[in-house]
mmCIF file of all heavy atoms, coordinates in Angstrom:
data_MODEL
# 
_entry.id   MODEL 
# 
loop_
_atom_site.group_PDB 
_atom_site.id 
_atom_site.type_symbol 
_atom_site.label_atom_id 
_atom_site.label_alt_id 
_atom_site.label_comp_id 
_atom_site.label_asym_id 
_atom_site.label_entity_id 
_atom_site.label_seq_id 
_atom_site.pdbx_PDB_ins_code 
_atom_site.Cartn_x 
_atom_site.Cartn_y 
_atom_site.Cartn_z 
_atom_site.occupancy 
_atom_site.B_iso_or_equiv 
_atom_site.pdbx_formal_charge 
_atom_site.auth_seq_id 
_atom_site.auth_comp_id 
_atom_site.auth_asym_id 
_atom_site.auth_atom_id 
_atom_site.pdbx_PDB_model_num 
ATOM 1   N N   . GLU A 1 1  ? -102.509 17.915 32.978 1.00 0.00 ? 1  GLU A N   1 
ATOM 2   C CA  . GLU A 1 1  ? -102.292 17.530 34.370 1.00 0.00 ? 1  GLU A CA  1 
ATOM 3   C C   . GLU A 1 1  ? -101.962 16.041 34.463 1.00 0.00 ? 1  GLU A C   1 
ATOM 4   O O   . GLU A 1 1  ? -102.629 15.208 33.863 1.00 0.00 ? 1  GLU A O   1 
ATOM 5   C CB  . GLU A 1 1  ? -103.553 17.809 35.218 1.00 0.00 ? 1  GLU A CB  1 
ATOM 6   C CG  . GLU A 1 1  ? -103.410 17.466 36.672 1.00 0.00 ? 1  GLU A CG  1 
ATOM 7   C CD  . GLU A 1 1  ? -104.626 17.846 37.474 1.00 0.00 ? 1  GLU A CD  1 
ATOM 8   O OE1 . GLU A 1 1  ? -105.348 18.771 37.044 1.00 0.00 ? 1  GLU A OE1 1 
ATOM 9   O OE2 . GLU A 1 1  ? -104.863 17.237 38.509 1.00 0.00 ? 1  GLU A OE2 1 
ATOM 10  N N   . VAL A 1 2  ? -100.865 15.749 35.133 1.00 0.00 ? 2  VAL A N   1 
ATOM 11  C CA  . VAL A 1 2  ? -100.441 14.349 35.342 1.00 0.00 ? 2  VAL A CA  1 
ATOM 12  C C   . VAL A 1 2  ? -100.471 14.075 36.829 1.00 0.00 ? 2  VAL A C   1 
ATOM 13  O O   . VAL A 1 2  ? -99.868  14.774 37.609 1.00 0.00 ? 2  VAL A O   1 
ATOM 14  C CB  . VAL A 1 2  ? -99.011  14.119 34.784 1.00 0.00 ? 2  VAL A CB  1 
ATOM 15  C CG1 . VAL A 1 2  ? -98.591  12.689 35.054 1.00 0.00 ? 2  VAL A CG1 1 
ATOM 16  C CG2 . VAL A 1 2  ? -98.992  14.415 33.270 1.00 0.00 ? 2  VAL A CG2 1 
ATOM 17  N N   . CYS A 1 3  ? -101.187 13.017 37.235 1.00 0.00 ? 3  CYS A N   1 
ATOM 18  C CA  . CYS A 1 3  ? -101.259 12.638 38.647 1.00 0.00 ? 3  CYS A CA  1 
ATOM 19  C C   . CYS A 1 3  ? -100.583 11.320 38.887 1.00 0.00 ? 3  CYS A C   1 
ATOM 20  O O   . CYS A 1 3  ? -100.784 10.352 38.128 1.00 0.00 ? 3  CYS A O   1 
ATOM 21  C CB  . CYS A 1 3  ? -102.742 12.533 39.046 1.00 0.00 ? 3  CYS A CB  1 
ATOM 22  S SG  . CYS A 1 3  ? -103.679 14.079 38.908 1.00 0.00 ? 3  CYS A SG  1 
ATOM 23  N N   . ALA A 1 4  ? -99.748  11.297 39.934 1.00 0.00 ? 4  ALA A N   1 
ATOM 24  C CA  . ALA A 1 4  ? -99.029  10.060 40.249 1.00 0.00 ? 4  ALA A CA  1 
ATOM 25  C C   . ALA A 1 4  ? -98.519  10.176 41.688 1.00 0.00 ? 4  ALA A C   1 
ATOM 26  O O   . ALA A 1 4  ? -98.417  11.273 42.246 1.00 0.00 ? 4  ALA A O   1 
ATOM 27  C CB  . ALA A 1 4  ? -97.880  9.825  39.304 1.00 0.00 ? 4  ALA A CB  1 
ATOM 28  N N   . ARG A 1 5  ? -98.208  9.029  42.296 1.00 0.00 ? 5  ARG A N   1 
ATOM 29  C CA  . ARG A 1 5  ? -97.651  8.996  43.651 1.00 0.00 ? 5  ARG A CA  1 
ATOM 30  C C   . ARG A 1 5  ? -96.121  8.994  43.638 1.00 0.00 ? 5  ARG A C   1 
ATOM 31  O O   . ARG A 1 5  ? -95.479  9.374  44.606 1.00 0.00 ? 5  ARG A O   1 
ATOM 32  C CB  . ARG A 1 5  ? -98.167  7.783  44.395 1.00 0.00 ? 5  ARG A CB  1 
ATOM 33  C CG  . ARG A 1 5  ? -99.658  7.774  44.654 1.00 0.00 ? 5  ARG A CG  1 
ATOM 34  C CD  . ARG A 1 5  ? -100.029 8.777  45.711 1.00 0.00 ? 5  ARG A CD  1 
ATOM 35  N NE  . ARG A 1 5  ? -99.355  8.529  46.952 1.00 0.00 ? 5  ARG A NE  1 
ATOM 36  C CZ  . ARG A 1 5  ? -99.826  7.666  47.872 1.00 0.00 ? 5  ARG A CZ  1 
ATOM 37  N NH1 . ARG A 1 5  ? -100.951 7.018  47.644 1.00 0.00 ? 5  ARG A NH1 1 
ATOM 38  N NH2 . ARG A 1 5  ? -99.161  7.467  49.008 1.00 0.00 ? 5  ARG A NH2 1 
ATOM 39  N N   . LYS A 1 6  ? -95.549  8.545  42.507 1.00 0.00 ? 6  LYS A N   1 
ATOM 40  C CA  . LYS A 1 6  ? -94.114  8.395  42.443 1.00 0.00 ? 6  LYS A CA  1 
ATOM 41  C C   . LYS A 1 6  ? -93.601  8.500  41.031 1.00 0.00 ? 6  LYS A C   1 
ATOM 42  O O   . LYS A 1 6  ? -94.194  7.968  40.116 1.00 0.00 ? 6  LYS A O   1 
ATOM 43  C CB  . LYS A 1 6  ? -93.684  7.044  43.071 1.00 0.00 ? 6  LYS A CB  1 
ATOM 44  C CG  . LYS A 1 6  ? -92.183  6.853  43.191 1.00 0.00 ? 6  LYS A CG  1 
ATOM 45  C CD  . LYS A 1 6  ? -91.899  5.543  43.917 1.00 0.00 ? 6  LYS A CD  1 
ATOM 46  C CE  . LYS A 1 6  ? -90.406  5.336  44.113 1.00 0.00 ? 6  LYS A CE  1 
ATOM 47  N NZ  . LYS A 1 6  ? -90.112  4.077  44.856 1.00 0.00 ? 6  LYS A NZ  1 
ATOM 48  N N   . PHE A 1 7  ? -92.491  9.225  40.861 1.00 0.00 ? 7  PHE A N   1 
ATOM 49  C CA  . PHE A 1 7  ? -91.819  9.311  39.570 1.00 0.00 ? 7  PHE A CA  1 
ATOM 50  C C   . PHE A 1 7  ? -90.367  8.867  39.748 1.00 0.00 ? 7  PHE A C   1 
ATOM 51  O O   . PHE A 1 7  ? -89.740  9.167  40.762 1.00 0.00 ? 7  PHE A O   1 
ATOM 52  C CB  . PHE A 1 7  ? -91.817  10.747 39.014 1.00 0.00 ? 7  PHE A CB  1 
ATOM 53  C CG  . PHE A 1 7  ? -93.162  11.243 38.560 1.00 0.00 ? 7  PHE A CG  1 
ATOM 54  C CD1 . PHE A 1 7  ? -93.975  12.008 39.382 1.00 0.00 ? 7  PHE A CD1 1 
ATOM 55  C CD2 . PHE A 1 7  ? -93.616  10.916 37.283 1.00 0.00 ? 7  PHE A CD2 1 
ATOM 56  C CE1 . PHE A 1 7  ? -95.194  12.455 38.991 1.00 0.00 ? 7  PHE A CE1 1 
ATOM 57  C CE2 . PHE A 1 7  ? -94.862  11.359 36.846 1.00 0.00 ? 7  PHE A CE2 1 
ATOM 58  C CZ  . PHE A 1 7  ? -95.653  12.121 37.681 1.00 0.00 ? 7  PHE A CZ  1 
ATOM 59  N N   . LYS A 1 8  ? -89.832  8.174  38.773 1.00 0.00 ? 8  LYS A N   1 
ATOM 60  C CA  . LYS A 1 8  ? -88.440  7.739  38.809 1.00 0.00 ? 8  LYS A CA  1 
ATOM 61  C C   . LYS A 1 8  ? -87.813  8.015  37.444 1.00 0.00 ? 8  LYS A C   1 
ATOM 62  O O   . LYS A 1 8  ? -88.375  7.692  36.409 1.00 0.00 ? 8  LYS A O   1 
ATOM 63  C CB  . LYS A 1 8  ? -88.344  6.252  39.126 1.00 0.00 ? 8  LYS A CB  1 
ATOM 64  C CG  . LYS A 1 8  ? -86.911  5.740  39.187 1.00 0.00 ? 8  LYS A CG  1 
ATOM 65  C CD  . LYS A 1 8  ? -86.885  4.219  39.415 1.00 0.00 ? 8  LYS A CD  1 
ATOM 66  C CE  . LYS A 1 8  ? -87.367  3.858  40.793 1.00 0.00 ? 8  LYS A CE  1 
ATOM 67  N NZ  . LYS A 1 8  ? -87.169  2.415  41.082 1.00 0.00 ? 8  LYS A NZ  1 
ATOM 68  N N   . LEU A 1 9  ? -86.595  8.653  37.474 1.00 0.00 ? 9  LEU A N   1 
ATOM 69  C CA  . LEU A 1 9  ? -85.861  8.919  36.255 1.00 0.00 ? 9  LEU A CA  1 
ATOM 70  C C   . LEU A 1 9  ? -84.603  8.099  36.272 1.00 0.00 ? 9  LEU A C   1 
ATOM 71  O O   . LEU A 1 9  ? -83.884  8.021  37.272 1.00 0.00 ? 9  LEU A O   1 
ATOM 72  C CB  . LEU A 1 9  ? -85.497  10.412 36.174 1.00 0.00 ? 9  LEU A CB  1 
ATOM 73  C CG  . LEU A 1 9  ? -86.649  11.416 36.125 1.00 0.00 ? 9  LEU A CG  1 
ATOM 74  C CD1 . LEU A 1 9  ? -86.107  12.818 36.029 1.00 0.00 ? 9  LEU A CD1 1 
ATOM 75  C CD2 . LEU A 1 9  ? -87.591  11.107 34.980 1.00 0.00 ? 9  LEU A CD2 1 
ATOM 76  N N   . VAL A 1 10 ? -84.311  7.424  35.127 1.00 0.00 ? 10 VAL A N   1 
ATOM 77  C CA  . VAL A 1 10 ? -83.095  6.614  35.017 1.00 0.00 ? 10 VAL A CA  1 
ATOM 78  C C   . VAL A 1 10 ? -82.266  7.135  33.866 1.00 0.00 ? 10 VAL A C   1 
ATOM 79  O O   . VAL A 1 10 ? -82.776  7.733  32.932 1.00 0.00 ? 10 VAL A O   1 
ATOM 80  C CB  . VAL A 1 10 ? -83.468  5.139  34.799 1.00 0.00 ? 10 VAL A CB  1 
ATOM 81  C CG1 . VAL A 1 10 ? -84.255  4.588  35.978 1.00 0.00 ? 10 VAL A CG1 1 
ATOM 82  C CG2 . VAL A 1 10 ? -84.260  4.934  33.510 1.00 0.00 ? 10 VAL A CG2 1 
ATOM 83  N N   . ASP A 1 11 ? -80.965  6.851  33.946 1.00 0.00 ? 11 ASP A N   1 
ATOM 84  C CA  . ASP A 1 11 ? -80.099  7.292  32.853 1.00 0.00 ? 11 ASP A CA  1 
ATOM 85  C C   . ASP A 1 11 ? -80.006  6.205  31.761 1.00 0.00 ? 11 ASP A C   1 
ATOM 86  O O   . ASP A 1 11 ? -80.737  5.185  31.817 1.00 0.00 ? 11 ASP A O   1 
ATOM 87  C CB  . ASP A 1 11 ? -78.691  7.635  33.401 1.00 0.00 ? 11 ASP A CB  1 
ATOM 88  C CG  . ASP A 1 11 ? -77.992  6.479  34.092 1.00 0.00 ? 11 ASP A CG  1 
ATOM 89  O OD1 . ASP A 1 11 ? -78.399  5.329  33.827 1.00 0.00 ? 11 ASP A OD1 1 
ATOM 90  O OD2 . ASP A 1 11 ? -77.047  6.689  34.836 1.00 0.00 ? 11 ASP A OD2 1 
ATOM 91  N N   . GLU A 1 12 ? -79.117  6.416  30.802 1.00 0.00 ? 12 GLU A N   1 
ATOM 92  C CA  . GLU A 1 12 ? -79.022  5.466  29.655 1.00 0.00 ? 12 GLU A CA  1 
ATOM 93  C C   . GLU A 1 12 ? -78.546  4.096  30.082 1.00 0.00 ? 12 GLU A C   1 
ATOM 94  O O   . GLU A 1 12 ? -78.722  3.115  29.339 1.00 0.00 ? 12 GLU A O   1 
ATOM 95  C CB  . GLU A 1 12 ? -78.105  6.052  28.582 1.00 0.00 ? 12 GLU A CB  1 
ATOM 96  C CG  . GLU A 1 12 ? -76.658  6.216  29.013 1.00 0.00 ? 12 GLU A CG  1 
ATOM 97  C CD  . GLU A 1 12 ? -76.416  7.526  29.759 1.00 0.00 ? 12 GLU A CD  1 
ATOM 98  O OE1 . GLU A 1 12 ? -77.414  8.233  30.047 1.00 0.00 ? 12 GLU A OE1 1 
ATOM 99  O OE2 . GLU A 1 12 ? -75.240  7.827  30.034 1.00 0.00 ? 12 GLU A OE2 1 
ATOM 100 N N   . LYS A 1 13 ? -77.932  3.986  31.300 1.00 0.00 ? 13 LYS A N   1 
ATOM 101 C CA  . LYS A 1 13 ? -77.474  2.687  31.789 1.00 0.00 ? 13 LYS A CA  1 
ATOM 102 C C   . LYS A 1 13 ? -78.501  1.996  32.702 1.00 0.00 ? 13 LYS A C   1 
ATOM 103 O O   . LYS A 1 13 ? -78.245  0.945  33.257 1.00 0.00 ? 13 LYS A O   1 
ATOM 104 C CB  . LYS A 1 13 ? -76.175  2.877  32.553 1.00 0.00 ? 13 LYS A CB  1 
ATOM 105 C CG  . LYS A 1 13 ? -75.025  3.365  31.669 1.00 0.00 ? 13 LYS A CG  1 
ATOM 106 C CD  . LYS A 1 13 ? -73.747  3.512  32.453 1.00 0.00 ? 13 LYS A CD  1 
ATOM 107 C CE  . LYS A 1 13 ? -72.615  4.037  31.584 1.00 0.00 ? 13 LYS A CE  1 
ATOM 108 N NZ  . LYS A 1 13 ? -71.361  4.200  32.377 1.00 0.00 ? 13 LYS A NZ  1 
ATOM 109 N N   . GLY A 1 14 ? -79.662  2.663  32.887 1.00 0.00 ? 14 GLY A N   1 
ATOM 110 C CA  . GLY A 1 14 ? -80.684  2.089  33.735 1.00 0.00 ? 14 GLY A CA  1 
ATOM 111 C C   . GLY A 1 14 ? -80.568  2.409  35.196 1.00 0.00 ? 14 GLY A C   1 
ATOM 112 O O   . GLY A 1 14 ? -81.375  1.924  35.995 1.00 0.00 ? 14 GLY A O   1 
ATOM 113 N N   . LYS A 1 15 ? -79.582  3.231  35.576 1.00 0.00 ? 15 LYS A N   1 
ATOM 114 C CA  . LYS A 1 15 ? -79.414  3.594  37.003 1.00 0.00 ? 15 LYS A CA  1 
ATOM 115 C C   . LYS A 1 15 ? -80.358  4.725  37.390 1.00 0.00 ? 15 LYS A C   1 
ATOM 116 O O   . LYS A 1 15 ? -80.571  5.672  36.605 1.00 0.00 ? 15 LYS A O   1 
ATOM 117 C CB  . LYS A 1 15 ? -77.970  4.027  37.266 1.00 0.00 ? 15 LYS A CB  1 
ATOM 118 C CG  . LYS A 1 15 ? -76.979  2.881  37.177 1.00 0.00 ? 15 LYS A CG  1 
ATOM 119 C CD  . LYS A 1 15 ? -75.601  3.339  37.641 1.00 0.00 ? 15 LYS A CD  1 
ATOM 120 C CE  . LYS A 1 15 ? -74.628  2.180  37.655 1.00 0.00 ? 15 LYS A CE  1 
ATOM 121 N NZ  . LYS A 1 15 ? -73.298  2.598  38.148 1.00 0.00 ? 15 LYS A NZ  1 
ATOM 122 N N   . THR A 1 16 ? -80.933  4.577  38.560 1.00 0.00 ? 16 THR A N   1 
ATOM 123 C CA  . THR A 1 16 ? -81.864  5.613  39.044 1.00 0.00 ? 16 THR A CA  1 
ATOM 124 C C   . THR A 1 16 ? -81.118  6.894  39.390 1.00 0.00 ? 16 THR A C   1 
ATOM 125 O O   . THR A 1 16 ? -80.182  6.866  40.162 1.00 0.00 ? 16 THR A O   1 
ATOM 126 C CB  . THR A 1 16 ? -82.637  5.090  40.306 1.00 0.00 ? 16 THR A CB  1 
ATOM 127 O OG1 . THR A 1 16 ? -83.357  3.928  39.939 1.00 0.00 ? 16 THR A OG1 1 
ATOM 128 C CG2 . THR A 1 16 ? -83.610  6.182  40.765 1.00 0.00 ? 16 THR A CG2 1 
ATOM 129 N N   . ARG A 1 17 ? -81.521  7.998  38.796 1.00 0.00 ? 17 ARG A N   1 
ATOM 130 C CA  . ARG A 1 17 ? -80.862  9.279  39.041 1.00 0.00 ? 17 ARG A CA  1 
ATOM 131 C C   . ARG A 1 17 ? -81.717  10.268 39.783 1.00 0.00 ? 17 ARG A C   1 
ATOM 132 O O   . ARG A 1 17 ? -81.212  11.200 40.391 1.00 0.00 ? 17 ARG A O   1 
ATOM 133 C CB  . ARG A 1 17 ? -80.413  9.893  37.703 1.00 0.00 ? 17 ARG A CB  1 
ATOM 134 C CG  . ARG A 1 17 ? -79.498  9.002  36.896 1.00 0.00 ? 17 ARG A CG  1 
ATOM 135 C CD  . ARG A 1 17 ? -78.144  8.810  37.602 1.00 0.00 ? 17 ARG A CD  1 
ATOM 136 N NE  . ARG A 1 17 ? -77.450  10.048 37.787 1.00 0.00 ? 17 ARG A NE  1 
ATOM 137 C CZ  . ARG A 1 17 ? -76.604  10.568 36.881 1.00 0.00 ? 17 ARG A CZ  1 
ATOM 138 N NH1 . ARG A 1 17 ? -76.412  9.951  35.740 1.00 0.00 ? 17 ARG A NH1 1 
ATOM 139 N NH2 . ARG A 1 17 ? -75.981  11.688 37.123 1.00 0.00 ? 17 ARG A NH2 1 
ATOM 140 N N   . ALA A 1 18 ? -83.038  10.061 39.773 1.00 0.00 ? 18 ALA A N   1 
ATOM 141 C CA  . ALA A 1 18 ? -83.935  10.966 40.482 1.00 0.00 ? 18 ALA A CA  1 
ATOM 142 C C   . ALA A 1 18 ? -85.219  10.234 40.852 1.00 0.00 ? 18 ALA A C   1 
ATOM 143 O O   . ALA A 1 18 ? -85.740  9.421  40.059 1.00 0.00 ? 18 ALA A O   1 
ATOM 144 C CB  . ALA A 1 18 ? -84.268  12.203 39.656 1.00 0.00 ? 18 ALA A CB  1 
ATOM 145 N N   . VAL A 1 19 ? -85.746  10.491 42.058 1.00 0.00 ? 19 VAL A N   1 
ATOM 146 C CA  . VAL A 1 19 ? -86.981  9.889  42.504 1.00 0.00 ? 19 VAL A CA  1 
ATOM 147 C C   . VAL A 1 19 ? -87.803  10.985 43.174 1.00 0.00 ? 19 VAL A C   1 
ATOM 148 O O   . VAL A 1 19 ? -87.314  11.693 44.085 1.00 0.00 ? 19 VAL A O   1 
ATOM 149 C CB  . VAL A 1 19 ? -86.739  8.729  43.508 1.00 0.00 ? 19 VAL A CB  1 
ATOM 150 C CG1 . VAL A 1 19 ? -88.084  8.204  44.006 1.00 0.00 ? 19 VAL A CG1 1 
ATOM 151 C CG2 . VAL A 1 19 ? -85.935  7.631  42.862 1.00 0.00 ? 19 VAL A CG2 1 
ATOM 152 N N   . MET A 1 20 ? -89.050  11.153 42.728 1.00 0.00 ? 20 MET A N   1 
ATOM 153 C CA  . MET A 1 20 ? -89.983  12.031 43.382 1.00 0.00 ? 20 MET A CA  1 
ATOM 154 C C   . MET A 1 20 ? -91.094  11.190 43.964 1.00 0.00 ? 20 MET A C   1 
ATOM 155 O O   . MET A 1 20 ? -91.698  10.374 43.261 1.00 0.00 ? 20 MET A O   1 
ATOM 156 C CB  . MET A 1 20 ? -90.542  13.056 42.381 1.00 0.00 ? 20 MET A CB  1 
ATOM 157 C CG  . MET A 1 20 ? -91.492  14.074 43.001 1.00 0.00 ? 20 MET A CG  1 
ATOM 158 S SD  . MET A 1 20 ? -92.189  15.225 41.775 1.00 0.00 ? 20 MET A SD  1 
ATOM 159 C CE  . MET A 1 20 ? -90.668  16.052 41.255 1.00 0.00 ? 20 MET A CE  1 
ATOM 160 N N   . ASP A 1 21 ? -91.373  11.366 45.272 1.00 0.00 ? 21 ASP A N   1 
ATOM 161 C CA  . ASP A 1 21 ? -92.273  10.449 45.944 1.00 0.00 ? 21 ASP A CA  1 
ATOM 162 C C   . ASP A 1 21 ? -93.102  11.203 46.964 1.00 0.00 ? 21 ASP A C   1 
ATOM 163 O O   . ASP A 1 21 ? -92.729  12.311 47.417 1.00 0.00 ? 21 ASP A O   1 
ATOM 164 C CB  . ASP A 1 21 ? -91.449  9.335  46.631 1.00 0.00 ? 21 ASP A CB  1 
ATOM 165 C CG  . ASP A 1 21 ? -92.280  8.140  46.974 1.00 0.00 ? 21 ASP A CG  1 
ATOM 166 O OD1 . ASP A 1 21 ? -93.508  8.155  46.696 1.00 0.00 ? 21 ASP A OD1 1 
ATOM 167 O OD2 . ASP A 1 21 ? -91.733  7.179  47.554 1.00 0.00 ? 21 ASP A OD2 1 
ATOM 168 N N   . VAL A 1 22 ? -94.232  10.637 47.366 1.00 0.00 ? 22 VAL A N   1 
ATOM 169 C CA  . VAL A 1 22 ? -95.056  11.129 48.454 1.00 0.00 ? 22 VAL A CA  1 
ATOM 170 C C   . VAL A 1 22 ? -95.337  9.996  49.409 1.00 0.00 ? 22 VAL A C   1 
ATOM 171 O O   . VAL A 1 22 ? -95.854  8.966  48.972 1.00 0.00 ? 22 VAL A O   1 
ATOM 172 C CB  . VAL A 1 22 ? -96.411  11.736 47.923 1.00 0.00 ? 22 VAL A CB  1 
ATOM 173 C CG1 . VAL A 1 22 ? -97.232  12.226 49.085 1.00 0.00 ? 22 VAL A CG1 1 
ATOM 174 C CG2 . VAL A 1 22 ? -96.149  12.842 46.933 1.00 0.00 ? 22 VAL A CG2 1 
ATOM 175 N N   . MET A 1 23 ? -94.946  10.171 50.677 1.00 0.00 ? 23 MET A N   1 
ATOM 176 C CA  . MET A 1 23 ? -95.060  9.092  51.645 1.00 0.00 ? 23 MET A CA  1 
ATOM 177 C C   . MET A 1 23 ? -95.708  9.574  52.925 1.00 0.00 ? 23 MET A C   1 
ATOM 178 O O   . MET A 1 23 ? -95.052  9.962  53.891 1.00 0.00 ? 23 MET A O   1 
ATOM 179 C CB  . MET A 1 23 ? -93.652  8.526  51.963 1.00 0.00 ? 23 MET A CB  1 
ATOM 180 C CG  . MET A 1 23 ? -92.940  7.933  50.766 1.00 0.00 ? 23 MET A CG  1 
ATOM 181 S SD  . MET A 1 23 ? -91.286  7.329  51.195 1.00 0.00 ? 23 MET A SD  1 
ATOM 182 C CE  . MET A 1 23 ? -91.669  6.121  52.484 1.00 0.00 ? 23 MET A CE  1 
ATOM 183 N N   . GLY A 1 24 ? -97.013  9.620  52.972 1.00 0.00 ? 24 GLY A N   1 
ATOM 184 C CA  . GLY A 1 24 ? -97.763  9.918  54.180 1.00 0.00 ? 24 GLY A CA  1 
ATOM 185 C C   . GLY A 1 24 ? -97.275  11.125 54.943 1.00 0.00 ? 24 GLY A C   1 
ATOM 186 O O   . GLY A 1 24 ? -97.086  12.237 54.429 1.00 0.00 ? 24 GLY A O   1 
ATOM 187 N N   . LYS A 1 25 ? -97.018  10.902 56.277 1.00 0.00 ? 25 LYS A N   1 
ATOM 188 C CA  . LYS A 1 25 ? -96.564  12.007 57.110 1.00 0.00 ? 25 LYS A CA  1 
ATOM 189 C C   . LYS A 1 25 ? -95.163  12.509 56.746 1.00 0.00 ? 25 LYS A C   1 
ATOM 190 O O   . LYS A 1 25 ? -94.801  13.603 57.154 1.00 0.00 ? 25 LYS A O   1 
ATOM 191 C CB  . LYS A 1 25 ? -96.607  11.571 58.571 1.00 0.00 ? 25 LYS A CB  1 
ATOM 192 C CG  . LYS A 1 25 ? -97.999  11.346 59.139 1.00 0.00 ? 25 LYS A CG  1 
ATOM 193 C CD  . LYS A 1 25 ? -97.968  11.019 60.618 1.00 0.00 ? 25 LYS A CD  1 
ATOM 194 C CE  . LYS A 1 25 ? -99.344  10.806 61.158 1.00 0.00 ? 25 LYS A CE  1 
ATOM 195 N NZ  . LYS A 1 25 ? -99.330  10.497 62.619 1.00 0.00 ? 25 LYS A NZ  1 
# 
């Protein structure tokens, strides 16, 4: 089990390609 509020995936150039987040309401 992995617990976190936010995950970010970047490609080989460092650009953000995916973000999973939880923001209140």
